[in-house]
Amino acid sequence: MPVHDLVVPDDSAGQSFACLLEGTSLNVLLSADFATLAWRKLLLNVIANPITTLTLQRESVLRRDDVHALCLDILAEAIAVANAEGATLADDDAARTMATLFSYSGDLGTSMYFDRQTGRKLEIEALTGAVVAAGERHGILTPINRTLLTLLRAVSDAASP
């Protein structure tokens, strides 16, 4: 299976973008189901980034039984929102997301974890904020993601300017 650096929608804009990158070292995948692929990527980030940032631990924290259960609950909310947004995710996407994260070294840190370590503002609105906002648009409750968002905003607001 070829490795792709970028995935873009298989529409006129995506095709134009892919053409711009022809002849470069970047491999572009045009996808008719971009929404699903984008949400699958977001699923990884809506658990790994908040949990490592709030606990100030690297990805090994996700292997704790209690944290793993929390991650599955976070993912259940996000999957419901993703499907309302037009993605086609199944119930097993939560387990697959966790399996993907477990395939990485537990010694890895996330971008948000390192941002917190260095006192930078956090990228919370593009990750957890996106799940909560999309849930609101569709009338889907996201109490766990909303709680994480509140805590992450407080951490981010305390960061150095």
C-alpha atoms as a PDB file:
ATOM      1  CA  MET A   1       0.000   0.000   0.000  1.00  0.00           C
ATOM      2  CA  PRO A   2       1.506   3.362  -0.992  1.00  0.00           C
ATOM      3  CA  VAL A   3       2.203   5.912   1.703  1.00  0.00           C
ATOM      4  CA  HIS A   4       0.500   9.261   1.321  1.00  0.00           C
ATOM      5  CA  ASP A   5       1.727  12.505   2.786  1.00  0.00           C
ATOM      6  CA  LEU A   6      -1.529  14.346   2.173  1.00  0.00           C
ATOM      7  CA  VAL A   7      -5.155  13.403   1.636  1.00  0.00           C
ATOM      8  CA  VAL A   8      -7.486  15.808  -0.141  1.00  0.00           C
ATOM      9  CA  PRO A   9     -11.084  15.628  -1.334  1.00  0.00           C
ATOM     10  CA  ASP A  10     -11.540  14.187  -4.805  1.00  0.00           C
ATOM     11  CA  ASP A  11     -13.199  17.311  -6.146  1.00  0.00           C
ATOM     12  CA  SER A  12     -12.025  20.118  -8.420  1.00  0.00           C
ATOM     13  CA  ALA A  13     -10.205  21.969  -5.626  1.00  0.00           C
ATOM     14  CA  GLY A  14      -8.509  18.793  -4.394  1.00  0.00           C
ATOM     15  CA  GLN A  15      -7.516  17.802  -7.906  1.00  0.00           C
ATOM     16  CA  SER A  16      -6.070  21.276  -8.539  1.00  0.00           C
ATOM     17  CA  PHE A  17      -4.094  21.058  -5.310  1.00  0.00           C
ATOM     18  CA  ALA A  18      -2.778  17.606  -6.216  1.00  0.00           C
ATOM     19  CA  CYS A  19      -1.682  18.946  -9.602  1.00  0.00           C
ATOM     20  CA  LEU A  20       0.310  21.693  -7.884  1.00  0.00           C
ATOM     21  CA  LEU A  21       2.293  19.031  -6.043  1.00  0.00           C
ATOM     22  CA  GLU A  22       2.972  16.801  -9.039  1.00  0.00           C
ATOM     23  CA  GLY A  23       6.690  16.269  -9.460  1.00  0.00           C
ATOM     24  CA  THR A  24       7.444  16.923  -5.795  1.00  0.00           C
ATOM     25  CA  SER A  25       8.344  14.346  -3.169  1.00  0.00           C
ATOM     26  CA  LEU A  26       4.880  14.631  -1.608  1.00  0.00           C
ATOM     27  CA  ASN A  27       2.384  11.864  -2.360  1.00  0.00           C
ATOM     28  CA  VAL A  28      -1.230  13.042  -2.494  1.00  0.00           C
ATOM     29  CA  LEU A  29      -4.267  10.804  -2.160  1.00  0.00           C
ATOM     30  CA  LEU A  30      -7.519  12.030  -3.670  1.00  0.00           C
ATOM     31  CA  SER A  31     -10.395  10.631  -1.614  1.00  0.00           C
ATOM     32  CA  ALA A  32     -14.081  10.492  -2.395  1.00  0.00           C
ATOM     33  CA  ASP A  33     -14.660  10.022   1.350  1.00  0.00           C
ATOM     34  CA  PHE A  34     -12.431  12.775   2.693  1.00  0.00           C
ATOM     35  CA  ALA A  35     -14.778  13.454   5.629  1.00  0.00           C
ATOM     36  CA  THR A  36     -14.284   9.960   7.022  1.00  0.00           C
ATOM     37  CA  LEU A  37     -10.500  10.092   6.646  1.00  0.00           C
ATOM     38  CA  ALA A  38     -10.315  13.548   8.226  1.00  0.00           C
ATOM     39  CA  TRP A  39     -12.446  12.458  11.185  1.00  0.00           C
ATOM     40  CA  ARG A  40     -10.361   9.302  11.675  1.00  0.00           C
ATOM     41  CA  LYS A  41      -7.284  11.533  11.971  1.00  0.00           C
ATOM     42  CA  LEU A  42      -9.137  13.822  14.366  1.00  0.00           C
ATOM     43  CA  LEU A  43     -10.135  10.841  16.533  1.00  0.00           C
ATOM     44  CA  LEU A  44      -6.463  10.157  17.255  1.00  0.00           C
ATOM     45  CA  ASN A  45      -5.933  13.758  18.253  1.00  0.00           C
ATOM     46  CA  VAL A  46      -9.033  14.254  20.409  1.00  0.00           C
ATOM     47  CA  ILE A  47      -7.843  11.653  22.853  1.00  0.00           C
ATOM     48  CA  ALA A  48      -4.054  11.676  22.744  1.00  0.00           C
ATOM     49  CA  ASN A  49      -3.581  15.446  22.873  1.00  0.00           C
ATOM     50  CA  PRO A  50      -5.986  16.327  25.712  1.00  0.00           C
ATOM     51  CA  ILE A  51      -5.088  13.366  27.911  1.00  0.00           C
ATOM     52  CA  THR A  52      -1.317  13.806  27.630  1.00  0.00           C
ATOM     53  CA  THR A  53      -1.647  17.553  28.115  1.00  0.00           C
ATOM     54  CA  LEU A  54      -3.879  17.431  31.154  1.00  0.00           C
ATOM     55  CA  THR A  55      -1.945  14.633  32.868  1.00  0.00           C
ATOM     56  CA  LEU A  56       1.463  15.975  31.792  1.00  0.00           C
ATOM     57  CA  GLN A  57       2.343  12.413  30.784  1.00  0.00           C
ATOM     58  CA  ARG A  58       3.398  10.938  27.491  1.00  0.00           C
ATOM     59  CA  GLU A  59       1.284   8.488  25.506  1.00  0.00           C
ATOM     60  CA  SER A  60       1.919   5.597  27.899  1.00  0.00           C
ATOM     61  CA  VAL A  61      -0.812   7.141  30.087  1.00  0.00           C
ATOM     62  CA  LEU A  62      -3.340   5.974  27.472  1.00  0.00           C
ATOM     63  CA  ARG A  63      -2.514   2.373  28.398  1.00  0.00           C
ATOM     64  CA  ARG A  64      -3.928   2.710  31.914  1.00  0.00           C
ATOM     65  CA  ASP A  65      -7.210   0.800  32.139  1.00  0.00           C
ATOM     66  CA  ASP A  66      -9.109   3.771  33.559  1.00  0.00           C
ATOM     67  CA  VAL A  67      -7.697   6.201  30.988  1.00  0.00           C
ATOM     68  CA  HIS A  68      -8.356   3.719  28.197  1.00  0.00           C
ATOM     69  CA  ALA A  69     -12.015   3.538  29.272  1.00  0.00           C
ATOM     70  CA  LEU A  70     -12.194   7.336  29.345  1.00  0.00           C
ATOM     71  CA  CYS A  71     -10.721   7.468  25.843  1.00  0.00           C
ATOM     72  CA  LEU A  72     -13.397   5.102  24.554  1.00  0.00           C
ATOM     73  CA  ASP A  73     -16.094   7.382  26.014  1.00  0.00           C
ATOM     74  CA  ILE A  74     -14.478  10.459  24.429  1.00  0.00           C
ATOM     75  CA  LEU A  75     -14.337   8.619  21.117  1.00  0.00           C
ATOM     76  CA  ALA A  76     -17.982   7.512  21.322  1.00  0.00           C
ATOM     77  CA  GLU A  77     -19.040  11.156  21.510  1.00  0.00           C
ATOM     78  CA  ALA A  78     -16.705  12.153  18.683  1.00  0.00           C
ATOM     79  CA  ILE A  79     -17.872   9.292  16.441  1.00  0.00           C
ATOM     80  CA  ALA A  80     -21.517  10.293  16.885  1.00  0.00           C
ATOM     81  CA  VAL A  81     -20.621  13.856  15.906  1.00  0.00           C
ATOM     82  CA  ALA A  82     -18.458  12.687  12.983  1.00  0.00           C
ATOM     83  CA  ASN A  83     -21.277  10.640  11.528  1.00  0.00           C
ATOM     84  CA  ALA A  84     -23.641  13.609  11.832  1.00  0.00           C
ATOM     85  CA  GLU A  85     -21.032  15.654   9.952  1.00  0.00           C
ATOM     86  CA  GLY A  86     -21.069  13.201   7.035  1.00  0.00           C
ATOM     87  CA  ALA A  87     -18.309  10.779   7.977  1.00  0.00           C
ATOM     88  CA  THR A  88     -18.966   7.056   7.819  1.00  0.00           C
ATOM     89  CA  LEU A  89     -17.525   5.705  11.048  1.00  0.00           C
ATOM     90  CA  ALA A  90     -18.460   2.428  12.691  1.00  0.00           C
ATOM     91  CA  ASP A  91     -18.632   1.425  16.341  1.00  0.00           C
ATOM     92  CA  ASP A  92     -15.281  -0.356  16.009  1.00  0.00           C
ATOM     93  CA  ASP A  93     -13.542   2.873  14.979  1.00  0.00           C
ATOM     94  CA  ALA A  94     -13.019   3.639  18.672  1.00  0.00           C
ATOM     95  CA  ALA A  95     -11.178   0.344  19.222  1.00  0.00           C
ATOM     96  CA  ARG A  96      -9.250   0.815  15.975  1.00  0.00           C
ATOM     97  CA  THR A  97      -8.212   4.297  17.057  1.00  0.00           C
ATOM     98  CA  MET A  98      -6.918   2.969  20.360  1.00  0.00           C
ATOM     99  CA  ALA A  99      -5.102   0.130  18.578  1.00  0.00           C
ATOM    100  CA  THR A 100      -3.398   2.670  16.337  1.00  0.00           C
ATOM    101  CA  LEU A 101      -2.280   4.716  19.335  1.00  0.00           C
ATOM    102  CA  PHE A 102      -1.060   1.588  21.103  1.00  0.00           C
ATOM    103  CA  SER A 103       1.066   0.767  18.053  1.00  0.00           C
ATOM    104  CA  TYR A 104       3.147   3.879  18.826  1.00  0.00           C
ATOM    105  CA  SER A 105       5.755   4.052  21.543  1.00  0.00           C
ATOM    106  CA  GLY A 106       4.379   5.065  24.916  1.00  0.00           C
ATOM    107  CA  ASP A 107       7.368   7.392  25.189  1.00  0.00           C
ATOM    108  CA  LEU A 108       5.950   9.721  22.544  1.00  0.00           C
ATOM    109  CA  GLY A 109       4.496  13.049  23.506  1.00  0.00           C
ATOM    110  CA  THR A 110       1.846  14.945  21.585  1.00  0.00           C
ATOM    111  CA  SER A 111       2.172  18.429  20.127  1.00  0.00           C
ATOM    112  CA  MET A 112      -0.191  19.815  22.747  1.00  0.00           C
ATOM    113  CA  TYR A 113       1.770  18.102  25.532  1.00  0.00           C
ATOM    114  CA  PHE A 114       4.950  19.822  24.335  1.00  0.00           C
ATOM    115  CA  ASP A 115       3.120  23.138  23.928  1.00  0.00           C
ATOM    116  CA  ARG A 116       2.052  22.940  27.560  1.00  0.00           C
ATOM    117  CA  GLN A 117       5.564  21.986  28.649  1.00  0.00           C
ATOM    118  CA  THR A 118       6.927  25.127  26.989  1.00  0.00           C
ATOM    119  CA  GLY A 119       4.120  27.462  28.055  1.00  0.00           C
ATOM    120  CA  ARG A 120       2.605  27.951  24.593  1.00  0.00           C
ATOM    121  CA  LYS A 121      -1.085  28.373  23.817  1.00  0.00           C
ATOM    122  CA  LEU A 122      -2.822  25.084  22.993  1.00  0.00           C
ATOM    123  CA  GLU A 123      -4.428  24.076  19.684  1.00  0.00           C
ATOM    124  CA  ILE A 124      -7.614  23.085  21.457  1.00  0.00           C
ATOM    125  CA  GLU A 125     -10.172  24.779  19.239  1.00  0.00           C
ATOM    126  CA  ALA A 126      -9.074  22.789  16.162  1.00  0.00           C
ATOM    127  CA  LEU A 127      -9.288  19.478  18.023  1.00  0.00           C
ATOM    128  CA  THR A 128     -11.611  19.147  21.012  1.00  0.00           C
ATOM    129  CA  GLY A 129     -13.263  22.461  20.170  1.00  0.00           C
ATOM    130  CA  ALA A 130     -14.168  21.149  16.720  1.00  0.00           C
ATOM    131  CA  VAL A 131     -15.944  18.125  18.216  1.00  0.00           C
ATOM    132  CA  VAL A 132     -17.907  20.251  20.682  1.00  0.00           C
ATOM    133  CA  ALA A 133     -18.853  22.862  18.055  1.00  0.00           C
ATOM    134  CA  ALA A 134     -19.992  20.205  15.567  1.00  0.00           C
ATOM    135  CA  GLY A 135     -21.968  18.496  18.325  1.00  0.00           C
ATOM    136  CA  GLU A 136     -23.735  21.776  19.041  1.00  0.00           C
ATOM    137  CA  ARG A 137     -24.583  22.229  15.339  1.00  0.00           C
ATOM    138  CA  HIS A 138     -26.248  18.806  15.308  1.00  0.00           C
ATOM    139  CA  GLY A 139     -27.810  18.840  18.765  1.00  0.00           C
ATOM    140  CA  ILE A 140     -25.494  16.048  19.970  1.00  0.00           C
ATOM    141  CA  LEU A 141     -24.412  16.234  23.593  1.00  0.00           C
ATOM    142  CA  THR A 142     -20.661  15.955  24.161  1.00  0.00           C
ATOM    143  CA  PRO A 143     -20.304  16.307  27.944  1.00  0.00           C
ATOM    144  CA  ILE A 144     -16.898  14.645  28.223  1.00  0.00           C
ATOM    145  CA  ASN A 145     -15.388  16.549  25.308  1.00  0.00           C
ATOM    146  CA  ARG A 146     -16.944  19.778  26.657  1.00  0.00           C
ATOM    147  CA  THR A 147     -15.341  19.133  30.061  1.00  0.00           C
ATOM    148  CA  LEU A 148     -11.971  18.499  28.429  1.00  0.00           C
ATOM    149  CA  LEU A 149     -12.373  21.671  26.372  1.00  0.00           C
ATOM    150  CA  THR A 150     -13.090  23.737  29.483  1.00  0.00           C
ATOM    151  CA  LEU A 151     -10.028  22.372  31.271  1.00  0.00           C
ATOM    152  CA  LEU A 152      -7.799  22.767  28.218  1.00  0.00           C
ATOM    153  CA  ARG A 153      -8.937  26.368  27.714  1.00  0.00           C
ATOM    154  CA  ALA A 154      -8.024  27.110  31.338  1.00  0.00           C
ATOM    155  CA  VAL A 155      -4.577  25.569  30.829  1.00  0.00           C
ATOM    156  CA  SER A 156      -4.102  27.447  27.558  1.00  0.00           C
ATOM    157  CA  ASP A 157      -5.214  30.770  29.057  1.00  0.00           C
ATOM    158  CA  ALA A 158      -2.576  30.350  31.775  1.00  0.00           C
ATOM    159  CA  ALA A 159       0.161  29.904  29.150  1.00  0.00           C
ATOM    160  CA  SER A 160       2.748  32.615  28.647  1.00  0.00           C
ATOM    161  CA  PRO A 161       1.895  35.090  25.872  1.00  0.00           C
END
